[in-house]
Amino acid sequence: MPDLSIGLVLSGVVLFASYMVPFWIALGRGHCNASGVFAVNLLFGWTAIGWLVALVWALEKPEQA
């Protein structure tokens, strides 16, 4: 039985990490609105459209100052 619970926890961690891909991309690119990407991803990412919006926003070219 312990193997099953370890597998479930590991699966949950992998699923959450893949769910947060737009946020990780925004952080890696040094996006000025990474916190906004995080909020959209966390609140609306459970819908396919919300996740895609967060991903597109994270991939958007940062504004030049």
PDB file of N, CA and C in Angstrom:
ATOM      1  N   MET A   1       0.794  -1.218   0.000  1.00  0.00           N
ATOM      2  CA  MET A   1       0.000   0.000   0.000  1.00  0.00           C
ATOM      3  C   MET A   1       0.833   1.278   0.000  1.00  0.00           C
ATOM      4  N   PRO A   2       1.965   1.329   0.678  1.00  0.00           N
ATOM      5  CA  PRO A   2       2.742   2.565   0.667  1.00  0.00           C
ATOM      6  C   PRO A   2       3.178   2.984  -0.740  1.00  0.00           C
ATOM      7  N   ASP A   3       3.412   2.002  -1.631  1.00  0.00           N
ATOM      8  CA  ASP A   3       3.825   2.338  -2.987  1.00  0.00           C
ATOM      9  C   ASP A   3       2.738   3.103  -3.728  1.00  0.00           C
ATOM     10  N   LEU A   4       1.503   2.770  -3.466  1.00  0.00           N
ATOM     11  CA  LEU A   4       0.385   3.454  -4.108  1.00  0.00           C
ATOM     12  C   LEU A   4       0.317   4.909  -3.668  1.00  0.00           C
ATOM     13  N   SER A   5       0.490   5.185  -2.394  1.00  0.00           N
ATOM     14  CA  SER A   5       0.403   6.565  -1.914  1.00  0.00           C
ATOM     15  C   SER A   5       1.583   7.393  -2.411  1.00  0.00           C
ATOM     16  N   ILE A   6       2.758   6.793  -2.514  1.00  0.00           N
ATOM     17  CA  ILE A   6       3.909   7.514  -3.057  1.00  0.00           C
ATOM     18  C   ILE A   6       3.656   7.852  -4.519  1.00  0.00           C
ATOM     19  N   GLY A   7       3.081   6.920  -5.247  1.00  0.00           N
ATOM     20  CA  GLY A   7       2.752   7.162  -6.655  1.00  0.00           C
ATOM     21  C   GLY A   7       1.723   8.260  -6.819  1.00  0.00           C
ATOM     22  N   LEU A   8       0.736   8.289  -5.943  1.00  0.00           N
ATOM     23  CA  LEU A   8      -0.287   9.337  -6.019  1.00  0.00           C
ATOM     24  C   LEU A   8       0.307  10.711  -5.720  1.00  0.00           C
ATOM     25  N   VAL A   9       1.159  10.777  -4.717  1.00  0.00           N
ATOM     26  CA  VAL A   9       1.793  12.057  -4.375  1.00  0.00           C
ATOM     27  C   VAL A   9       2.689  12.513  -5.515  1.00  0.00           C
ATOM     28  N   LEU A  10       3.475  11.602  -6.070  1.00  0.00           N
ATOM     29  CA  LEU A  10       4.358  11.944  -7.180  1.00  0.00           C
ATOM     30  C   LEU A  10       3.557  12.398  -8.397  1.00  0.00           C
ATOM     31  N   SER A  11       2.457  11.716  -8.671  1.00  0.00           N
ATOM     32  CA  SER A  11       1.591  12.117  -9.787  1.00  0.00           C
ATOM     33  C   SER A  11       1.004  13.506  -9.558  1.00  0.00           C
ATOM     34  N   GLY A  12       0.599  13.782  -8.328  1.00  0.00           N
ATOM     35  CA  GLY A  12       0.070  15.104  -8.009  1.00  0.00           C
ATOM     36  C   GLY A  12       1.098  16.202  -8.192  1.00  0.00           C
ATOM     37  N   VAL A  13       2.321  15.935  -7.785  1.00  0.00           N
ATOM     38  CA  VAL A  13       3.397  16.924  -7.945  1.00  0.00           C
ATOM     39  C   VAL A  13       3.674  17.175  -9.421  1.00  0.00           C
ATOM     40  N   VAL A  14       3.726  16.118 -10.209  1.00  0.00           N
ATOM     41  CA  VAL A  14       3.976  16.262 -11.651  1.00  0.00           C
ATOM     42  C   VAL A  14       2.838  17.018 -12.321  1.00  0.00           C
ATOM     43  N   LEU A  15       1.605  16.696 -11.967  1.00  0.00           N
ATOM     44  CA  LEU A  15       0.460  17.393 -12.558  1.00  0.00           C
ATOM     45  C   LEU A  15       0.445  18.871 -12.174  1.00  0.00           C
ATOM     46  N   PHE A  16       0.746  19.185 -10.913  1.00  0.00           N
ATOM     47  CA  PHE A  16       0.771  20.585 -10.493  1.00  0.00           C
ATOM     48  C   PHE A  16       1.894  21.343 -11.193  1.00  0.00           C
ATOM     49  N   ALA A  17       3.059  20.709 -11.333  1.00  0.00           N
ATOM     50  CA  ALA A  17       4.181  21.363 -12.012  1.00  0.00           C
ATOM     51  C   ALA A  17       3.834  21.640 -13.477  1.00  0.00           C
ATOM     52  N   SER A  18       3.175  20.696 -14.142  1.00  0.00           N
ATOM     53  CA  SER A  18       2.799  20.927 -15.538  1.00  0.00           C
ATOM     54  C   SER A  18       1.680  21.962 -15.646  1.00  0.00           C
ATOM     55  N   TYR A  19       0.824  22.029 -14.645  1.00  0.00           N
ATOM     56  CA  TYR A  19      -0.236  23.038 -14.601  1.00  0.00           C
ATOM     57  C   TYR A  19       0.363  24.437 -14.510  1.00  0.00           C
ATOM     58  N   MET A  20       1.489  24.565 -13.813  1.00  0.00           N
ATOM     59  CA  MET A  20       2.102  25.865 -13.590  1.00  0.00           C
ATOM     60  C   MET A  20       3.158  26.234 -14.642  1.00  0.00           C
ATOM     61  N   VAL A  21       3.217  25.523 -15.752  1.00  0.00           N
ATOM     62  CA  VAL A  21       4.204  25.780 -16.809  1.00  0.00           C
ATOM     63  C   VAL A  21       4.201  27.248 -17.255  1.00  0.00           C
ATOM     64  N   PRO A  22       3.053  27.874 -17.497  1.00  0.00           N
ATOM     65  CA  PRO A  22       3.097  29.283 -17.908  1.00  0.00           C
ATOM     66  C   PRO A  22       3.811  30.176 -16.882  1.00  0.00           C
ATOM     67  N   PHE A  23       3.582  29.926 -15.613  1.00  0.00           N
ATOM     68  CA  PHE A  23       4.247  30.728 -14.581  1.00  0.00           C
ATOM     69  C   PHE A  23       5.750  30.481 -14.588  1.00  0.00           C
ATOM     70  N   TRP A  24       6.159  29.214 -14.710  1.00  0.00           N
ATOM     71  CA  TRP A  24       7.595  28.916 -14.735  1.00  0.00           C
ATOM     72  C   TRP A  24       8.255  29.575 -15.944  1.00  0.00           C
ATOM     73  N   ILE A  25       7.572  29.596 -17.086  1.00  0.00           N
ATOM     74  CA  ILE A  25       8.113  30.250 -18.286  1.00  0.00           C
ATOM     75  C   ILE A  25       8.254  31.746 -18.043  1.00  0.00           C
ATOM     76  N   ALA A  26       7.230  32.362 -17.462  1.00  0.00           N
ATOM     77  CA  ALA A  26       7.282  33.797 -17.176  1.00  0.00           C
ATOM     78  C   ALA A  26       8.432  34.125 -16.233  1.00  0.00           C
ATOM     79  N   LEU A  27       8.635  33.309 -15.213  1.00  0.00           N
ATOM     80  CA  LEU A  27       9.753  33.539 -14.291  1.00  0.00           C
ATOM     81  C   LEU A  27      11.087  33.394 -15.006  1.00  0.00           C
ATOM     82  N   GLY A  28      11.215  32.365 -15.811  1.00  0.00           N
ATOM     83  CA  GLY A  28      12.463  32.115 -16.523  1.00  0.00           C
ATOM     84  C   GLY A  28      12.814  33.211 -17.509  1.00  0.00           C
ATOM     85  N   ARG A  29      11.806  33.813 -18.100  1.00  0.00           N
ATOM     86  CA  ARG A  29      12.040  34.891 -19.063  1.00  0.00           C
ATOM     87  C   ARG A  29      12.171  36.253 -18.394  1.00  0.00           C
ATOM     88  N   GLY A  30      11.994  36.304 -17.089  1.00  0.00           N
ATOM     89  CA  GLY A  30      12.062  37.576 -16.383  1.00  0.00           C
ATOM     90  C   GLY A  30      10.919  38.499 -16.756  1.00  0.00           C
ATOM     91  N   HIS A  31       9.757  37.929 -16.980  1.00  0.00           N
ATOM     92  CA  HIS A  31       8.576  38.690 -17.400  1.00  0.00           C
ATOM     93  C   HIS A  31       8.196  39.691 -16.321  1.00  0.00           C
ATOM     94  N   CYS A  32       7.913  40.923 -16.726  1.00  0.00           N
ATOM     95  CA  CYS A  32       7.590  41.967 -15.758  1.00  0.00           C
ATOM     96  C   CYS A  32       6.240  41.719 -15.074  1.00  0.00           C
ATOM     97  N   ASN A  33       5.389  40.936 -15.681  1.00  0.00           N
ATOM     98  CA  ASN A  33       4.079  40.629 -15.102  1.00  0.00           C
ATOM     99  C   ASN A  33       3.979  39.165 -14.687  1.00  0.00           C
ATOM    100  N   ALA A  34       5.041  38.598 -14.172  1.00  0.00           N
ATOM    101  CA  ALA A  34       5.027  37.193 -13.761  1.00  0.00           C
ATOM    102  C   ALA A  34       3.979  36.945 -12.687  1.00  0.00           C
ATOM    103  N   SER A  35       3.769  37.918 -11.810  1.00  0.00           N
ATOM    104  CA  SER A  35       2.751  37.732 -10.774  1.00  0.00           C
ATOM    105  C   SER A  35       1.351  37.713 -11.387  1.00  0.00           C
ATOM    106  N   GLY A  36       1.128  38.471 -12.423  1.00  0.00           N
ATOM    107  CA  GLY A  36      -0.157  38.440 -13.122  1.00  0.00           C
ATOM    108  C   GLY A  36      -0.374  37.121 -13.840  1.00  0.00           C
ATOM    109  N   VAL A  37       0.681  36.609 -14.455  1.00  0.00           N
ATOM    110  CA  VAL A  37       0.606  35.299 -15.104  1.00  0.00           C
ATOM    111  C   VAL A  37       0.283  34.237 -14.060  1.00  0.00           C
ATOM    112  N   PHE A  38       0.925  34.348 -12.898  1.00  0.00           N
ATOM    113  CA  PHE A  38       0.663  33.399 -11.817  1.00  0.00           C
ATOM    114  C   PHE A  38      -0.801  33.455 -11.397  1.00  0.00           C
ATOM    115  N   ALA A  39      -1.338  34.660 -11.223  1.00  0.00           N
ATOM    116  CA  ALA A  39      -2.722  34.807 -10.772  1.00  0.00           C
ATOM    117  C   ALA A  39      -3.703  34.236 -11.797  1.00  0.00           C
ATOM    118  N   VAL A  40      -3.496  34.556 -13.073  1.00  0.00           N
ATOM    119  CA  VAL A  40      -4.389  34.030 -14.115  1.00  0.00           C
ATOM    120  C   VAL A  40      -4.282  32.514 -14.175  1.00  0.00           C
ATOM    121  N   ASN A  41      -3.057  32.022 -14.103  1.00  0.00           N
ATOM    122  CA  ASN A  41      -2.850  30.579 -14.171  1.00  0.00           C
ATOM    123  C   ASN A  41      -3.482  29.869 -12.977  1.00  0.00           C
ATOM    124  N   LEU A  42      -3.311  30.413 -11.806  1.00  0.00           N
ATOM    125  CA  LEU A  42      -3.845  29.778 -10.605  1.00  0.00           C
ATOM    126  C   LEU A  42      -5.372  29.811 -10.574  1.00  0.00           C
ATOM    127  N   LEU A  43      -5.950  30.962 -10.928  1.00  0.00           N
ATOM    128  CA  LEU A  43      -7.401  31.128 -10.817  1.00  0.00           C
ATOM    129  C   LEU A  43      -8.183  30.582 -12.004  1.00  0.00           C
ATOM    130  N   PHE A  44      -7.613  30.701 -13.212  1.00  0.00           N
ATOM    131  CA  PHE A  44      -8.355  30.319 -14.411  1.00  0.00           C
ATOM    132  C   PHE A  44      -7.681  29.223 -15.218  1.00  0.00           C
ATOM    133  N   GLY A  45      -6.526  28.765 -14.774  1.00  0.00           N
ATOM    134  CA  GLY A  45      -5.786  27.751 -15.514  1.00  0.00           C
ATOM    135  C   GLY A  45      -6.480  26.410 -15.580  1.00  0.00           C
ATOM    136  N   TRP A  46      -7.418  26.166 -14.677  1.00  0.00           N
ATOM    137  CA  TRP A  46      -8.142  24.895 -14.699  1.00  0.00           C
ATOM    138  C   TRP A  46      -9.011  24.781 -15.938  1.00  0.00           C
ATOM    139  N   THR A  47      -9.321  25.908 -16.574  1.00  0.00           N
ATOM    140  CA  THR A  47      -9.999  25.859 -17.861  1.00  0.00           C
ATOM    141  C   THR A  47      -8.921  25.873 -18.933  1.00  0.00           C
ATOM    142  N   ALA A  48      -9.163  25.232 -20.016  1.00  0.00           N
ATOM    143  CA  ALA A  48      -8.169  25.195 -21.093  1.00  0.00           C
ATOM    144  C   ALA A  48      -7.895  26.600 -21.612  1.00  0.00           C
ATOM    145  N   ILE A  49      -8.915  27.418 -21.698  1.00  0.00           N
ATOM    146  CA  ILE A  49      -8.744  28.779 -22.213  1.00  0.00           C
ATOM    147  C   ILE A  49      -7.898  29.614 -21.260  1.00  0.00           C
ATOM    148  N   GLY A  50      -8.152  29.515 -19.964  1.00  0.00           N
ATOM    149  CA  GLY A  50      -7.362  30.263 -18.987  1.00  0.00           C
ATOM    150  C   GLY A  50      -5.914  29.855 -19.001  1.00  0.00           C
ATOM    151  N   TRP A  51      -5.651  28.554 -19.154  1.00  0.00           N
ATOM    152  CA  TRP A  51      -4.273  28.067 -19.199  1.00  0.00           C
ATOM    153  C   TRP A  51      -3.576  28.585 -20.455  1.00  0.00           C
ATOM    154  N   LEU A  52      -4.286  28.574 -21.585  1.00  0.00           N
ATOM    155  CA  LEU A  52      -3.698  29.078 -22.836  1.00  0.00           C
ATOM    156  C   LEU A  52      -3.449  30.579 -22.769  1.00  0.00           C
ATOM    157  N   VAL A  53      -4.355  31.323 -22.150  1.00  0.00           N
ATOM    158  CA  VAL A  53      -4.152  32.767 -21.984  1.00  0.00           C
ATOM    159  C   VAL A  53      -2.893  33.033 -21.164  1.00  0.00           C
ATOM    160  N   ALA A  54      -2.739  32.290 -20.069  1.00  0.00           N
ATOM    161  CA  ALA A  54      -1.553  32.453 -19.237  1.00  0.00           C
ATOM    162  C   ALA A  54      -0.291  32.081 -20.007  1.00  0.00           C
ATOM    163  N   LEU A  55      -0.352  31.039 -20.811  1.00  0.00           N
ATOM    164  CA  LEU A  55       0.808  30.612 -21.595  1.00  0.00           C
ATOM    165  C   LEU A  55       1.186  31.649 -22.644  1.00  0.00           C
ATOM    166  N   VAL A  56       0.205  32.164 -23.353  1.00  0.00           N
ATOM    167  CA  VAL A  56       0.484  33.189 -24.365  1.00  0.00           C
ATOM    168  C   VAL A  56       1.045  34.444 -23.709  1.00  0.00           C
ATOM    169  N   TRP A  57       0.488  34.819 -22.578  1.00  0.00           N
ATOM    170  CA  TRP A  57       0.983  35.996 -21.864  1.00  0.00           C
ATOM    171  C   TRP A  57       2.414  35.784 -21.408  1.00  0.00           C
ATOM    172  N   ALA A  58       2.725  34.583 -20.944  1.00  0.00           N
ATOM    173  CA  ALA A  58       4.085  34.288 -20.483  1.00  0.00           C
ATOM    174  C   ALA A  58       5.081  34.305 -21.650  1.00  0.00           C
ATOM    175  N   LEU A  59       4.626  33.919 -22.823  1.00  0.00           N
ATOM    176  CA  LEU A  59       5.508  33.879 -24.000  1.00  0.00           C
ATOM    177  C   LEU A  59       5.602  35.214 -24.730  1.00  0.00           C
ATOM    178  N   GLU A  60       4.743  36.155 -24.337  1.00  0.00           N
ATOM    179  CA  GLU A  60       4.740  37.469 -24.963  1.00  0.00           C
ATOM    180  C   GLU A  60       6.091  38.149 -24.780  1.00  0.00           C
ATOM    181  N   LYS A  61       6.530  38.833 -25.801  1.00  0.00           N
ATOM    182  CA  LYS A  61       7.810  39.533 -25.736  1.00  0.00           C
ATOM    183  C   LYS A  61       7.735  40.645 -24.695  1.00  0.00           C
ATOM    184  N   PRO A  62       8.674  40.658 -23.768  1.00  0.00           N
ATOM    185  CA  PRO A  62       8.654  41.714 -22.728  1.00  0.00           C
ATOM    186  C   PRO A  62       8.804  43.104 -23.345  1.00  0.00           C
ATOM    187  N   GLU A  63       8.150  44.066 -22.717  1.00  0.00           N
ATOM    188  CA  GLU A  63       8.231  45.448 -23.203  1.00  0.00           C
ATOM    189  C   GLU A  63       9.626  46.003 -22.947  1.00  0.00           C
ATOM    190  N   GLN A  64      10.100  46.786 -23.893  1.00  0.00           N
ATOM    191  CA  GLN A  64      11.402  47.440 -23.741  1.00  0.00           C
ATOM    192  C   GLN A  64      11.215  48.771 -23.033  1.00  0.00           C
ATOM    193  N   ALA A  65      12.014  49.009 -22.017  1.00  0.00           N
ATOM    194  CA  ALA A  65      11.897  50.264 -21.261  1.00  0.00           C
ATOM    195  C   ALA A  65      12.653  51.379 -21.935  1.00  0.00           C
TER     196      ALA A  65
END
